């Protein structure tokens, strides 16, 4: 039996025992006690918490948590685990220490090119829970974003179907739907695509000039792009509204602090994203003073009047 195979079987064996001795393991594996001792030392070097106990009833035991036998993960499986663990590494999670430990171990053994791929995934995918229903086109668009490729999509908007070439920045989910911000070569501008409106999507491998999105991620794209159709967002927020903006995946990139200590949201937003931005800012209630764009102020004014009218009708009943 090879040494590696023996170590694997030894790990499986001692995981099933509360306590064990060198002699017991030597008989089980038909080797000398010296060999078993060397194997145990090797397992201890690998991180197995083996404790030796002296006395007439002494021997060895595993302290606290048992160690699982070796499990082979593919690089993509490791990336999936790492991504999932991100949500559980904050201080409020009861297993925060263990989550960080798992991530550290996986990253330690990932090859350099796999680490680069993992870094790209973090730049191209943003997930909030609960997740929407599965999208058939999400994997294609994510792959294209990771490889910086162009995708040919059949897109339905307002009842009409259109083929166009887009270069995805990444994908994210929100309010039960998947979205893909991308550069549209048909519009010659940036656009946010609702994946439920995409009927077909295939990566286009024909030689075409692509944009360099190396420094453009799913987390910073609105503040980094230079679209043709945009409005300037300028709004002052109170200290009470700062935490909401810092935690918001879209708004946080626009946060700036002026020399007088006031906190502001400043940056460009796509004109076709005004309604969605208005929804984000509406949650701040009186903790925001919007200077521009006028369109968002108008939306909030309309919503406030609608709520007021409904409440007035109820009060007059």
C-alpha atoms as a PDB file:
ATOM      1  CA  UNK A   1       0.000   0.000   0.000  1.00  0.00           C
ATOM      2  CA  UNK A   2       1.397   3.426  -0.936  1.00  0.00           C
ATOM      3  CA  UNK A   3       2.054   5.994   1.763  1.00  0.00           C
ATOM      4  CA  UNK A   4      -0.571   8.412   0.388  1.00  0.00           C
ATOM      5  CA  UNK A   5      -3.237   5.712   0.291  1.00  0.00           C
ATOM      6  CA  UNK A   6      -2.291   4.585   3.808  1.00  0.00           C
ATOM      7  CA  UNK A   7      -2.594   8.160   5.122  1.00  0.00           C
ATOM      8  CA  UNK A   8      -6.066   8.480   3.583  1.00  0.00           C
ATOM      9  CA  UNK A   9      -7.209   5.201   5.128  1.00  0.00           C
ATOM     10  CA  UNK A  10      -5.573   6.118   8.440  1.00  0.00           C
ATOM     11  CA  UNK A  11      -7.487   9.415   8.507  1.00  0.00           C
ATOM     12  CA  UNK A  12     -10.756   7.582   7.826  1.00  0.00           C
ATOM     13  CA  UNK A  13      -9.981   5.034  10.543  1.00  0.00           C
ATOM     14  CA  UNK A  14      -9.107   7.399  13.379  1.00  0.00           C
ATOM     15  CA  UNK A  15     -12.092   9.605  12.569  1.00  0.00           C
ATOM     16  CA  UNK A  16     -14.327   6.705  13.641  1.00  0.00           C
ATOM     17  CA  UNK A  17     -12.506   6.168  16.952  1.00  0.00           C
ATOM     18  CA  UNK A  18     -12.833   8.074  20.200  1.00  0.00           C
ATOM     19  CA  UNK A  19      -9.387   6.876  21.250  1.00  0.00           C
ATOM     20  CA  UNK A  20      -6.661   4.689  19.715  1.00  0.00           C
ATOM     21  CA  UNK A  21      -3.139   3.422  20.301  1.00  0.00           C
ATOM     22  CA  UNK A  22      -0.130   2.943  18.041  1.00  0.00           C
ATOM     23  CA  UNK A  23      -0.295  -0.817  18.520  1.00  0.00           C
ATOM     24  CA  UNK A  24      -3.965  -1.002  17.493  1.00  0.00           C
ATOM     25  CA  UNK A  25      -3.308   0.960  14.309  1.00  0.00           C
ATOM     26  CA  UNK A  26      -0.143  -1.026  13.545  1.00  0.00           C
ATOM     27  CA  UNK A  27      -2.132  -4.269  13.676  1.00  0.00           C
ATOM     28  CA  UNK A  28      -4.934  -2.785  11.582  1.00  0.00           C
ATOM     29  CA  UNK A  29      -2.605  -1.576   8.840  1.00  0.00           C
ATOM     30  CA  UNK A  30      -0.028  -4.368   9.212  1.00  0.00           C
ATOM     31  CA  UNK A  31       2.936  -2.025   9.638  1.00  0.00           C
ATOM     32  CA  UNK A  32       5.277  -1.221  12.525  1.00  0.00           C
ATOM     33  CA  UNK A  33       4.331   1.146  15.350  1.00  0.00           C
ATOM     34  CA  UNK A  34       7.200   3.394  14.230  1.00  0.00           C
ATOM     35  CA  UNK A  35       5.599   3.703  10.792  1.00  0.00           C
ATOM     36  CA  UNK A  36       2.222   4.545  12.318  1.00  0.00           C
ATOM     37  CA  UNK A  37       3.864   7.140  14.545  1.00  0.00           C
ATOM     38  CA  UNK A  38       5.482   8.791  11.524  1.00  0.00           C
ATOM     39  CA  UNK A  39       2.127   8.759   9.719  1.00  0.00           C
ATOM     40  CA  UNK A  40       0.393  10.400  12.684  1.00  0.00           C
ATOM     41  CA  UNK A  41       3.069  13.088  12.801  1.00  0.00           C
ATOM     42  CA  UNK A  42       2.464  13.716   9.104  1.00  0.00           C
ATOM     43  CA  UNK A  43      -1.288  14.098   9.702  1.00  0.00           C
ATOM     44  CA  UNK A  44      -0.587  16.490  12.578  1.00  0.00           C
ATOM     45  CA  UNK A  45       1.609  18.607  10.263  1.00  0.00           C
ATOM     46  CA  UNK A  46      -1.323  18.738   7.845  1.00  0.00           C
ATOM     47  CA  UNK A  47      -3.504  20.248  10.612  1.00  0.00           C
ATOM     48  CA  UNK A  48      -5.189  17.213  12.196  1.00  0.00           C
ATOM     49  CA  UNK A  49      -5.616  18.002  15.940  1.00  0.00           C
ATOM     50  CA  UNK A  50      -4.290  14.704  17.368  1.00  0.00           C
ATOM     51  CA  UNK A  51      -3.655  14.715  21.137  1.00  0.00           C
ATOM     52  CA  UNK A  52      -1.464  12.134  22.889  1.00  0.00           C
ATOM     53  CA  UNK A  53      -2.407  11.017  26.410  1.00  0.00           C
ATOM     54  CA  UNK A  54      -0.054   9.232  28.814  1.00  0.00           C
ATOM     55  CA  UNK A  55      -0.815   6.697  31.539  1.00  0.00           C
ATOM     56  CA  UNK A  56      -2.106   3.115  31.709  1.00  0.00           C
ATOM     57  CA  UNK A  57      -5.177   4.043  29.677  1.00  0.00           C
ATOM     58  CA  UNK A  58      -3.381   6.516  27.447  1.00  0.00           C
ATOM     59  CA  UNK A  59      -3.126   6.641  23.684  1.00  0.00           C
ATOM     60  CA  UNK A  60      -4.246   9.136  21.106  1.00  0.00           C
ATOM     61  CA  UNK A  61      -7.446  10.966  20.339  1.00  0.00           C
ATOM     62  CA  UNK A  62      -8.679  13.711  17.998  1.00  0.00           C
ATOM     63  CA  UNK A  63      -9.365  16.979  19.763  1.00  0.00           C
ATOM     64  CA  UNK A  64     -12.703  18.715  19.160  1.00  0.00           C
ATOM     65  CA  UNK A  65     -13.767  18.571  15.504  1.00  0.00           C
ATOM     66  CA  UNK A  66     -13.082  15.492  13.482  1.00  0.00           C
ATOM     67  CA  UNK A  67     -11.408  15.961  10.106  1.00  0.00           C
ATOM     68  CA  UNK A  68     -13.238  14.828   6.993  1.00  0.00           C
ATOM     69  CA  UNK A  69     -11.412  12.536   4.591  1.00  0.00           C
ATOM     70  CA  UNK A  70      -9.844  14.165   1.513  1.00  0.00           C
ATOM     71  CA  UNK A  71     -12.486  15.430  -0.911  1.00  0.00           C
ATOM     72  CA  UNK A  72     -11.586  16.270  -4.481  1.00  0.00           C
ATOM     73  CA  UNK A  73     -13.140  19.487  -5.797  1.00  0.00           C
ATOM     74  CA  UNK A  74     -12.946  20.816  -9.323  1.00  0.00           C
ATOM     75  CA  UNK A  75     -11.758  24.403  -9.696  1.00  0.00           C
ATOM     76  CA  UNK A  76     -15.299  25.556 -10.479  1.00  0.00           C
ATOM     77  CA  UNK A  77     -16.684  23.699  -7.435  1.00  0.00           C
ATOM     78  CA  UNK A  78     -14.062  25.409  -5.266  1.00  0.00           C
ATOM     79  CA  UNK A  79     -15.045  28.779  -6.752  1.00  0.00           C
ATOM     80  CA  UNK A  80     -18.726  28.058  -6.021  1.00  0.00           C
ATOM     81  CA  UNK A  81     -17.893  27.252  -2.377  1.00  0.00           C
ATOM     82  CA  UNK A  82     -15.766  30.384  -2.035  1.00  0.00           C
ATOM     83  CA  UNK A  83     -18.535  32.551  -3.467  1.00  0.00           C
ATOM     84  CA  UNK A  84     -21.135  31.018  -1.181  1.00  0.00           C
ATOM     85  CA  UNK A  85     -18.956  31.526   1.884  1.00  0.00           C
ATOM     86  CA  UNK A  86     -18.579  35.258   1.251  1.00  0.00           C
ATOM     87  CA  UNK A  87     -22.011  35.926   2.720  1.00  0.00           C
ATOM     88  CA  UNK A  88     -21.083  34.140   5.946  1.00  0.00           C
ATOM     89  CA  UNK A  89     -17.731  35.741   6.753  1.00  0.00           C
ATOM     90  CA  UNK A  90     -19.076  38.796   8.560  1.00  0.00           C
ATOM     91  CA  UNK A  91     -18.828  39.042  12.328  1.00  0.00           C
ATOM     92  CA  UNK A  92     -22.525  38.447  12.985  1.00  0.00           C
ATOM     93  CA  UNK A  93     -22.499  34.892  11.571  1.00  0.00           C
ATOM     94  CA  UNK A  94     -22.041  32.221  14.304  1.00  0.00           C
ATOM     95  CA  UNK A  95     -19.617  30.209  12.116  1.00  0.00           C
ATOM     96  CA  UNK A  96     -17.703  33.237  10.841  1.00  0.00           C
ATOM     97  CA  UNK A  97     -14.310  31.888  11.995  1.00  0.00           C
ATOM     98  CA  UNK A  98     -14.925  28.503  10.371  1.00  0.00           C
ATOM     99  CA  UNK A  99     -16.117  30.139   7.134  1.00  0.00           C
ATOM    100  CA  UNK A 100     -12.917  32.172   6.885  1.00  0.00           C
ATOM    101  CA  UNK A 101     -10.869  29.066   7.640  1.00  0.00           C
ATOM    102  CA  UNK A 102     -12.502  27.109   4.795  1.00  0.00           C
ATOM    103  CA  UNK A 103     -11.922  29.981   2.356  1.00  0.00           C
ATOM    104  CA  UNK A 104      -8.289  30.258   3.404  1.00  0.00           C
ATOM    105  CA  UNK A 105      -7.709  26.524   2.884  1.00  0.00           C
ATOM    106  CA  UNK A 106      -9.342  26.483  -0.539  1.00  0.00           C
ATOM    107  CA  UNK A 107      -7.417  29.527  -1.717  1.00  0.00           C
ATOM    108  CA  UNK A 108      -4.170  28.053  -0.432  1.00  0.00           C
ATOM    109  CA  UNK A 109      -4.448  25.041  -2.720  1.00  0.00           C
ATOM    110  CA  UNK A 110      -5.956  26.698  -5.792  1.00  0.00           C
ATOM    111  CA  UNK A 111      -3.481  26.955  -8.700  1.00  0.00           C
ATOM    112  CA  UNK A 112      -2.520  30.505  -9.680  1.00  0.00           C
ATOM    113  CA  UNK A 113      -4.638  30.484 -12.848  1.00  0.00           C
ATOM    114  CA  UNK A 114      -7.634  29.215 -10.831  1.00  0.00           C
ATOM    115  CA  UNK A 115      -7.102  32.063  -8.341  1.00  0.00           C
ATOM    116  CA  UNK A 116      -7.150  34.518 -11.252  1.00  0.00           C
ATOM    117  CA  UNK A 117     -10.420  32.954 -12.445  1.00  0.00           C
ATOM    118  CA  UNK A 118     -11.889  33.259  -8.928  1.00  0.00           C
ATOM    119  CA  UNK A 119     -10.924  36.947  -8.840  1.00  0.00           C
ATOM    120  CA  UNK A 120     -12.698  37.455 -12.170  1.00  0.00           C
ATOM    121  CA  UNK A 121     -15.862  35.764 -10.870  1.00  0.00           C
ATOM    122  CA  UNK A 122     -15.991  38.239  -7.989  1.00  0.00           C
ATOM    123  CA  UNK A 123     -15.767  41.092 -10.515  1.00  0.00           C
ATOM    124  CA  UNK A 124     -18.547  39.732 -12.764  1.00  0.00           C
ATOM    125  CA  UNK A 125     -21.183  38.248 -10.436  1.00  0.00           C
ATOM    126  CA  UNK A 126     -23.267  39.928  -7.715  1.00  0.00           C
ATOM    127  CA  UNK A 127     -25.855  37.853  -5.860  1.00  0.00           C
ATOM    128  CA  UNK A 128     -28.509  38.803  -3.341  1.00  0.00           C
ATOM    129  CA  UNK A 129     -30.754  36.364  -1.496  1.00  0.00           C
ATOM    130  CA  UNK A 130     -33.357  35.086  -2.112  1.00  0.00           C
ATOM    131  CA  UNK A 131     -32.352  34.117  -5.634  1.00  0.00           C
ATOM    132  CA  UNK A 132     -34.693  34.491  -8.643  1.00  0.00           C
ATOM    133  CA  UNK A 133     -35.857  31.575 -10.743  1.00  0.00           C
ATOM    134  CA  UNK A 134     -33.170  29.965 -12.864  1.00  0.00           C
ATOM    135  CA  UNK A 135     -32.281  31.815 -16.062  1.00  0.00           C
ATOM    136  CA  UNK A 136     -31.142  29.730 -19.031  1.00  0.00           C
ATOM    137  CA  UNK A 137     -29.039  32.614 -20.329  1.00  0.00           C
ATOM    138  CA  UNK A 138     -27.302  33.617 -17.078  1.00  0.00           C
ATOM    139  CA  UNK A 139     -24.427  31.072 -17.498  1.00  0.00           C
ATOM    140  CA  UNK A 140     -23.769  32.230 -21.087  1.00  0.00           C
ATOM    141  CA  UNK A 141     -23.686  35.915 -20.166  1.00  0.00           C
ATOM    142  CA  UNK A 142     -21.503  35.257 -17.116  1.00  0.00           C
ATOM    143  CA  UNK A 143     -19.049  33.203 -19.185  1.00  0.00           C
ATOM    144  CA  UNK A 144     -18.871  35.997 -21.767  1.00  0.00           C
ATOM    145  CA  UNK A 145     -18.242  38.556 -19.013  1.00  0.00           C
ATOM    146  CA  UNK A 146     -15.450  36.422 -17.542  1.00  0.00           C
ATOM    147  CA  UNK A 147     -13.792  35.955 -20.932  1.00  0.00           C
ATOM    148  CA  UNK A 148     -14.627  39.476 -22.192  1.00  0.00           C
ATOM    149  CA  UNK A 149     -16.485  38.118 -25.211  1.00  0.00           C
ATOM    150  CA  UNK A 150     -19.345  39.478 -27.279  1.00  0.00           C
ATOM    151  CA  UNK A 151     -22.758  37.800 -27.099  1.00  0.00           C
ATOM    152  CA  UNK A 152     -25.381  37.816 -29.841  1.00  0.00           C
ATOM    153  CA  UNK A 153     -28.807  38.047 -28.203  1.00  0.00           C
ATOM    154  CA  UNK A 154     -32.381  37.989 -29.419  1.00  0.00           C
ATOM    155  CA  UNK A 155     -34.024  40.591 -27.211  1.00  0.00           C
ATOM    156  CA  UNK A 156     -37.735  41.337 -26.881  1.00  0.00           C
ATOM    157  CA  UNK A 157     -38.738  44.850 -25.886  1.00  0.00           C
ATOM    158  CA  UNK A 158     -42.228  46.355 -26.093  1.00  0.00           C
ATOM    159  CA  UNK A 159     -43.455  43.448 -28.212  1.00  0.00           C
ATOM    160  CA  UNK A 160     -40.738  43.675 -30.878  1.00  0.00           C
ATOM    161  CA  UNK A 161     -37.817  41.253 -31.227  1.00  0.00           C
ATOM    162  CA  UNK A 162     -34.330  42.453 -32.097  1.00  0.00           C
ATOM    163  CA  UNK A 163     -30.959  40.781 -32.618  1.00  0.00           C
ATOM    164  CA  UNK A 164     -27.990  42.685 -31.238  1.00  0.00           C
ATOM    165  CA  UNK A 165     -24.394  42.172 -30.141  1.00  0.00           C
ATOM    166  CA  UNK A 166     -23.564  43.040 -26.558  1.00  0.00           C
ATOM    167  CA  UNK A 167     -20.495  42.782 -24.337  1.00  0.00           C
ATOM    168  CA  UNK A 168     -21.594  41.898 -20.796  1.00  0.00           C
ATOM    169  CA  UNK A 169     -19.956  43.496 -17.768  1.00  0.00           C
ATOM    170  CA  UNK A 170     -21.453  40.867 -15.469  1.00  0.00           C
ATOM    171  CA  UNK A 171     -24.792  39.760 -14.036  1.00  0.00           C
ATOM    172  CA  UNK A 172     -26.695  40.548 -10.845  1.00  0.00           C
ATOM    173  CA  UNK A 173     -30.102  39.797  -9.386  1.00  0.00           C
ATOM    174  CA  UNK A 174     -32.612  42.150  -7.833  1.00  0.00           C
ATOM    175  CA  UNK A 175     -36.252  41.881  -6.783  1.00  0.00           C
ATOM    176  CA  UNK A 176     -36.631  38.384  -8.208  1.00  0.00           C
ATOM    177  CA  UNK A 177     -35.008  39.075 -11.596  1.00  0.00           C
ATOM    178  CA  UNK A 178     -31.596  38.709 -13.254  1.00  0.00           C
ATOM    179  CA  UNK A 179     -30.007  41.721 -14.968  1.00  0.00           C
ATOM    180  CA  UNK A 180     -26.972  42.203 -17.189  1.00  0.00           C
ATOM    181  CA  UNK A 181     -25.342  45.613 -17.676  1.00  0.00           C
ATOM    182  CA  UNK A 182     -23.555  45.544 -21.040  1.00  0.00           C
ATOM    183  CA  UNK A 183     -22.262  47.616 -23.897  1.00  0.00           C
ATOM    184  CA  UNK A 184     -24.621  47.402 -26.871  1.00  0.00           C
ATOM    185  CA  UNK A 185     -22.923  47.607 -30.241  1.00  0.00           C
ATOM    186  CA  UNK A 186     -26.303  48.311 -31.824  1.00  0.00           C
ATOM    187  CA  UNK A 187     -27.072  51.288 -29.575  1.00  0.00           C
ATOM    188  CA  UNK A 188     -23.383  52.238 -29.349  1.00  0.00           C
ATOM    189  CA  UNK A 189     -24.045  52.817 -25.660  1.00  0.00           C
ATOM    190  CA  UNK A 190     -24.436  50.982 -22.352  1.00  0.00           C
ATOM    191  CA  UNK A 191     -27.699  49.316 -21.444  1.00  0.00           C
ATOM    192  CA  UNK A 192     -29.100  47.134 -18.641  1.00  0.00           C
ATOM    193  CA  UNK A 193     -30.740  43.979 -19.990  1.00  0.00           C
ATOM    194  CA  UNK A 194     -33.446  42.106 -18.117  1.00  0.00           C
ATOM    195  CA  UNK A 195     -32.586  38.441 -18.677  1.00  0.00           C
ATOM    196  CA  UNK A 196     -36.269  37.495 -18.774  1.00  0.00           C
ATOM    197  CA  UNK A 197     -36.525  39.563 -21.986  1.00  0.00           C
ATOM    198  CA  UNK A 198     -33.639  37.720 -23.662  1.00  0.00           C
ATOM    199  CA  UNK A 199     -34.974  34.890 -25.818  1.00  0.00           C
ATOM    200  CA  UNK A 200     -31.628  33.605 -27.160  1.00  0.00           C
ATOM    201  CA  UNK A 201     -27.993  34.208 -26.223  1.00  0.00           C
ATOM    202  CA  UNK A 202     -24.845  32.729 -27.785  1.00  0.00           C
ATOM    203  CA  UNK A 203     -21.211  33.787 -27.485  1.00  0.00           C
ATOM    204  CA  UNK A 204     -19.973  35.250 -30.757  1.00  0.00           C
ATOM    205  CA  UNK A 205     -16.514  33.871 -31.551  1.00  0.00           C
ATOM    206  CA  UNK A 206     -16.070  35.835 -34.775  1.00  0.00           C
ATOM    207  CA  UNK A 207     -13.085  38.231 -34.727  1.00  0.00           C
ATOM    208  CA  UNK A 208     -14.448  41.503 -33.354  1.00  0.00           C
ATOM    209  CA  UNK A 209     -12.987  44.415 -31.426  1.00  0.00           C
ATOM    210  CA  UNK A 210     -13.988  44.173 -27.779  1.00  0.00           C
ATOM    211  CA  UNK A 211     -13.835  46.752 -25.039  1.00  0.00           C
ATOM    212  CA  UNK A 212     -11.370  46.366 -22.176  1.00  0.00           C
ATOM    213  CA  UNK A 213     -13.441  45.763 -19.058  1.00  0.00           C
ATOM    214  CA  UNK A 214     -10.458  44.804 -16.867  1.00  0.00           C
ATOM    215  CA  UNK A 215     -11.135  47.640 -14.429  1.00  0.00           C
ATOM    216  CA  UNK A 216     -14.885  47.670 -14.973  1.00  0.00           C
ATOM    217  CA  UNK A 217     -16.775  45.354 -12.614  1.00  0.00           C
ATOM    218  CA  UNK A 218     -20.344  44.518 -11.709  1.00  0.00           C
ATOM    219  CA  UNK A 219     -19.786  46.574  -8.537  1.00  0.00           C
ATOM    220  CA  UNK A 220     -18.413  49.821 -10.009  1.00  0.00           C
ATOM    221  CA  UNK A 221     -19.598  50.041 -13.620  1.00  0.00           C
ATOM    222  CA  UNK A 222     -22.080  52.953 -13.275  1.00  0.00           C
ATOM    223  CA  UNK A 223     -19.393  55.251 -11.867  1.00  0.00           C
ATOM    224  CA  UNK A 224     -16.721  54.150 -14.361  1.00  0.00           C
ATOM    225  CA  UNK A 225     -18.467  54.180 -17.742  1.00  0.00           C
ATOM    226  CA  UNK A 226     -18.948  57.205 -20.003  1.00  0.00           C
ATOM    227  CA  UNK A 227     -22.382  56.645 -21.609  1.00  0.00           C
ATOM    228  CA  UNK A 228     -23.914  58.951 -24.183  1.00  0.00           C
ATOM    229  CA  UNK A 229     -27.313  58.921 -22.463  1.00  0.00           C
ATOM    230  CA  UNK A 230     -26.922  59.801 -18.815  1.00  0.00           C
ATOM    231  CA  UNK A 231     -27.958  62.210 -16.099  1.00  0.00           C
ATOM    232  CA  UNK A 232     -25.892  63.482 -13.177  1.00  0.00           C
ATOM    233  CA  UNK A 233     -26.844  62.259  -9.735  1.00  0.00           C
ATOM    234  CA  UNK A 234     -26.128  64.863  -7.042  1.00  0.00           C
ATOM    235  CA  UNK A 235     -27.657  64.354  -3.604  1.00  0.00           C
ATOM    236  CA  UNK A 236     -26.703  65.155  -0.021  1.00  0.00           C
ATOM    237  CA  UNK A 237     -27.444  62.491   2.578  1.00  0.00           C
ATOM    238  CA  UNK A 238     -27.699  62.695   6.345  1.00  0.00           C
ATOM    239  CA  UNK A 239     -25.710  60.659   8.832  1.00  0.00           C
ATOM    240  CA  UNK A 240     -28.798  58.482   9.311  1.00  0.00           C
ATOM    241  CA  UNK A 241     -28.880  57.674   5.593  1.00  0.00           C
ATOM    242  CA  UNK A 242     -25.161  56.920   5.307  1.00  0.00           C
ATOM    243  CA  UNK A 243     -25.397  53.314   6.523  1.00  0.00           C
ATOM    244  CA  UNK A 244     -28.088  52.475   3.953  1.00  0.00           C
ATOM    245  CA  UNK A 245     -25.953  53.873   1.115  1.00  0.00           C
ATOM    246  CA  UNK A 246     -22.792  52.128   2.338  1.00  0.00           C
ATOM    247  CA  UNK A 247     -24.591  48.779   2.375  1.00  0.00           C
ATOM    248  CA  UNK A 248     -26.391  49.281  -0.942  1.00  0.00           C
ATOM    249  CA  UNK A 249     -24.679  47.440  -3.842  1.00  0.00           C
ATOM    250  CA  UNK A 250     -25.520  50.220  -6.334  1.00  0.00           C
ATOM    251  CA  UNK A 251     -25.421  53.445  -4.325  1.00  0.00           C
ATOM    252  CA  UNK A 252     -22.196  52.834  -2.407  1.00  0.00           C
ATOM    253  CA  UNK A 253     -19.985  53.547  -5.424  1.00  0.00           C
ATOM    254  CA  UNK A 254     -21.308  57.131  -5.633  1.00  0.00           C
ATOM    255  CA  UNK A 255     -20.524  58.026  -2.020  1.00  0.00           C
ATOM    256  CA  UNK A 256     -18.098  60.898  -1.451  1.00  0.00           C
ATOM    257  CA  UNK A 257     -17.249  62.918   1.637  1.00  0.00           C
ATOM    258  CA  UNK A 258     -16.578  66.642   1.252  1.00  0.00           C
ATOM    259  CA  UNK A 259     -14.044  68.618   3.293  1.00  0.00           C
ATOM    260  CA  UNK A 260     -16.827  70.047   5.469  1.00  0.00           C
ATOM    261  CA  UNK A 261     -17.721  66.497   6.509  1.00  0.00           C
ATOM    262  CA  UNK A 262     -21.002  66.225   4.594  1.00  0.00           C
ATOM    263  CA  UNK A 263     -21.799  63.009   2.704  1.00  0.00           C
ATOM    264  CA  UNK A 264     -22.929  63.130  -0.927  1.00  0.00           C
ATOM    265  CA  UNK A 265     -23.938  60.853  -3.761  1.00  0.00           C
ATOM    266  CA  UNK A 266     -22.336  62.053  -6.996  1.00  0.00           C
ATOM    267  CA  UNK A 267     -21.964  60.334 -10.356  1.00  0.00           C
ATOM    268  CA  UNK A 268     -23.542  59.463 -13.698  1.00  0.00           C
ATOM    269  CA  UNK A 269     -26.520  57.153 -14.097  1.00  0.00           C
ATOM    270  CA  UNK A 270     -27.983  55.771 -17.311  1.00  0.00           C
ATOM    271  CA  UNK A 271     -31.206  57.424 -18.425  1.00  0.00           C
ATOM    272  CA  UNK A 272     -32.851  54.008 -18.698  1.00  0.00           C
ATOM    273  CA  UNK A 273     -31.921  53.374 -15.052  1.00  0.00           C
ATOM    274  CA  UNK A 274     -33.584  56.471 -13.613  1.00  0.00           C
ATOM    275  CA  UNK A 275     -36.735  54.685 -12.401  1.00  0.00           C
ATOM    276  CA  UNK A 276     -34.678  52.011 -10.633  1.00  0.00           C
ATOM    277  CA  UNK A 277     -32.408  54.620  -9.023  1.00  0.00           C
ATOM    278  CA  UNK A 278     -35.492  56.497  -7.853  1.00  0.00           C
ATOM    279  CA  UNK A 279     -36.618  53.300  -6.076  1.00  0.00           C
ATOM    280  CA  UNK A 280     -33.247  53.023  -4.330  1.00  0.00           C
ATOM    281  CA  UNK A 281     -33.288  56.655  -3.156  1.00  0.00           C
ATOM    282  CA  UNK A 282     -36.961  56.527  -2.094  1.00  0.00           C
ATOM    283  CA  UNK A 283     -35.955  54.287   0.822  1.00  0.00           C
ATOM    284  CA  UNK A 284     -33.940  57.169   2.329  1.00  0.00           C
ATOM    285  CA  UNK A 285     -37.137  59.151   2.928  1.00  0.00           C
ATOM    286  CA  UNK A 286     -36.151  62.435   4.648  1.00  0.00           C
ATOM    287  CA  UNK A 287     -32.497  61.463   4.938  1.00  0.00           C
ATOM    288  CA  UNK A 288     -31.667  62.740   1.459  1.00  0.00           C
ATOM    289  CA  UNK A 289     -31.758  66.068  -0.370  1.00  0.00           C
ATOM    290  CA  UNK A 290     -31.696  65.457  -4.142  1.00  0.00           C
ATOM    291  CA  UNK A 291     -30.228  68.285  -6.211  1.00  0.00           C
ATOM    292  CA  UNK A 292     -30.338  66.388  -9.518  1.00  0.00           C
ATOM    293  CA  UNK A 293     -31.588  64.823 -11.660  1.00  0.00           C
ATOM    294  CA  UNK A 294     -34.935  66.569 -11.882  1.00  0.00           C
ATOM    295  CA  UNK A 295     -36.495  63.340 -13.211  1.00  0.00           C
ATOM    296  CA  UNK A 296     -35.953  61.521  -9.912  1.00  0.00           C
ATOM    297  CA  UNK A 297     -37.334  64.454  -7.927  1.00  0.00           C
ATOM    298  CA  UNK A 298     -40.427  64.370 -10.147  1.00  0.00           C
ATOM    299  CA  UNK A 299     -40.879  60.629  -9.617  1.00  0.00           C
ATOM    300  CA  UNK A 300     -40.641  61.025  -5.837  1.00  0.00           C
ATOM    301  CA  UNK A 301     -43.064  63.971  -5.947  1.00  0.00           C
ATOM    302  CA  UNK A 302     -45.577  61.845  -7.885  1.00  0.00           C
ATOM    303  CA  UNK A 303     -45.219  58.901  -5.490  1.00  0.00           C
ATOM    304  CA  UNK A 304     -45.650  61.153  -2.455  1.00  0.00           C
ATOM    305  CA  UNK A 305     -48.815  62.684  -3.945  1.00  0.00           C
ATOM    306  CA  UNK A 306     -50.250  59.245  -4.727  1.00  0.00           C
ATOM    307  CA  UNK A 307     -49.626  58.071  -1.149  1.00  0.00           C
ATOM    308  CA  UNK A 308     -51.055  61.305   0.240  1.00  0.00           C
ATOM    309  CA  UNK A 309     -54.177  61.000  -1.913  1.00  0.00           C
ATOM    310  CA  UNK A 310     -54.780  57.415  -0.786  1.00  0.00           C
ATOM    311  CA  UNK A 311     -54.334  58.284   2.881  1.00  0.00           C
ATOM    312  CA  UNK A 312     -56.575  61.335   2.493  1.00  0.00           C
ATOM    313  CA  UNK A 313     -59.327  59.171   1.048  1.00  0.00           C
ATOM    314  CA  UNK A 314     -59.043  56.774   3.990  1.00  0.00           C
ATOM    315  CA  UNK A 315     -59.112  59.617   6.557  1.00  0.00           C
ATOM    316  CA  UNK A 316     -62.242  61.130   4.943  1.00  0.00           C
ATOM    317  CA  UNK A 317     -64.168  57.862   5.113  1.00  0.00           C
END
